[in-house]
Amino acid sequence: MRTPVRDRERRAGGVLSGYPLDRLYEEMAFISYYFHWPPDEVMNLEHRERRRWCDEISRINQKVNQDVQAYEGRLAK
């Protein structure tokens, strides 16, 4: 699942110049952890697509956590 780099002002892998390196590693670790994608695949995602995956994973986690809390609440009764 690779997205080609189209904009020549960007560095390889869809990394924006000046984008905080710590933030990039955080996004890469987040996606790799949940989807088990290798680092080179994640690095090759365009910035917007990488952020979108992070947002989608976060939404999934929030939904799962809400479901678990609701289930645990029913068990406590």
Protein backbone atom coordinates (compact mmCIF):
# COMPACT_ATOMS: atom_id res chain seq x y z
CA MET A 1 0.00 0.00 0.00
CA ARG A 2 2.28 2.75 -1.26
CA THR A 3 1.43 6.26 -2.31
CA PRO A 4 3.80 7.84 -4.84
CA VAL A 5 5.43 11.14 -3.98
CA ARG A 6 4.08 13.74 -6.39
CA ASP A 7 5.30 17.02 -4.99
CA ARG A 8 9.02 17.60 -5.64
CA GLU A 9 9.27 20.00 -2.67
CA ARG A 10 8.73 17.12 -0.32
CA ARG A 11 11.41 14.71 0.70
CA ALA A 12 11.09 11.03 -0.20
CA GLY A 13 8.31 9.23 1.64
CA GLY A 14 5.92 12.15 1.91
CA VAL A 15 7.80 13.80 4.75
CA LEU A 16 7.31 17.55 4.81
CA SER A 17 10.44 19.62 5.15
CA GLY A 18 10.60 20.99 8.66
CA TYR A 19 8.10 18.45 10.03
CA PRO A 20 9.20 17.55 13.58
CA LEU A 21 11.14 14.30 13.48
CA ASP A 22 9.75 13.23 16.87
CA ARG A 23 6.22 13.61 15.53
CA LEU A 24 7.07 11.57 12.43
CA TYR A 25 8.44 8.72 14.54
CA GLU A 26 5.38 8.88 16.79
CA GLU A 27 3.05 8.55 13.78
CA MET A 28 5.15 5.74 12.30
CA ALA A 29 5.20 3.81 15.57
CA PHE A 30 1.46 4.30 16.06
CA ILE A 31 0.54 2.97 12.61
CA SER A 32 3.13 0.18 12.68
CA TYR A 33 1.98 -0.99 16.11
CA TYR A 34 -1.69 -1.24 15.21
CA PHE A 35 -1.48 -2.35 11.58
CA HIS A 36 1.81 -4.26 11.74
CA TRP A 37 3.07 -2.44 8.66
CA PRO A 38 6.85 -2.30 8.22
CA PRO A 39 8.51 1.08 8.81
CA ASP A 40 9.41 1.61 5.14
CA GLU A 41 5.76 1.21 4.13
CA VAL A 42 4.64 3.77 6.71
CA MET A 43 7.45 6.16 5.79
CA ASN A 44 6.40 6.02 2.13
CA LEU A 45 2.88 7.25 2.92
CA GLU A 46 2.11 10.84 2.05
CA HIS A 47 1.88 13.08 5.12
CA ARG A 48 -1.89 13.55 4.83
CA GLU A 49 -2.48 9.85 4.35
CA ARG A 50 -0.29 9.00 7.37
CA ARG A 51 -2.21 11.52 9.51
CA ARG A 52 -5.50 10.10 8.23
CA TRP A 53 -4.50 6.57 9.28
CA CYS A 54 -3.53 7.88 12.73
CA ASP A 55 -6.94 9.55 13.05
CA GLU A 56 -8.78 6.40 11.94
CA ILE A 57 -6.83 4.19 14.37
CA SER A 58 -7.62 6.65 17.18
CA ARG A 59 -11.34 6.52 16.33
CA ILE A 60 -11.29 2.72 16.34
CA ASN A 61 -9.54 2.72 19.74
CA GLN A 62 -12.05 5.18 21.20
CA LYS A 63 -14.96 3.05 20.00
CA VAL A 64 -13.41 -0.15 21.37
CA ASN A 65 -12.70 1.53 24.72
CA GLN A 66 -16.28 2.80 24.94
CA ASP A 67 -17.61 -0.68 24.16
CA VAL A 68 -15.35 -2.26 26.80
CA GLN A 69 -16.39 0.29 29.42
CA ALA A 70 -20.06 -0.30 28.62
CA TYR A 71 -19.58 -4.06 28.87
CA GLU A 72 -17.72 -3.76 32.16
CA GLY A 73 -20.47 -1.48 33.46
CA ARG A 74 -23.08 -4.14 32.67
CA LEU A 75 -21.00 -6.80 34.42
CA ALA A 76 -20.72 -4.66 37.57
CA LYS A 77 -24.51 -4.52 37.96
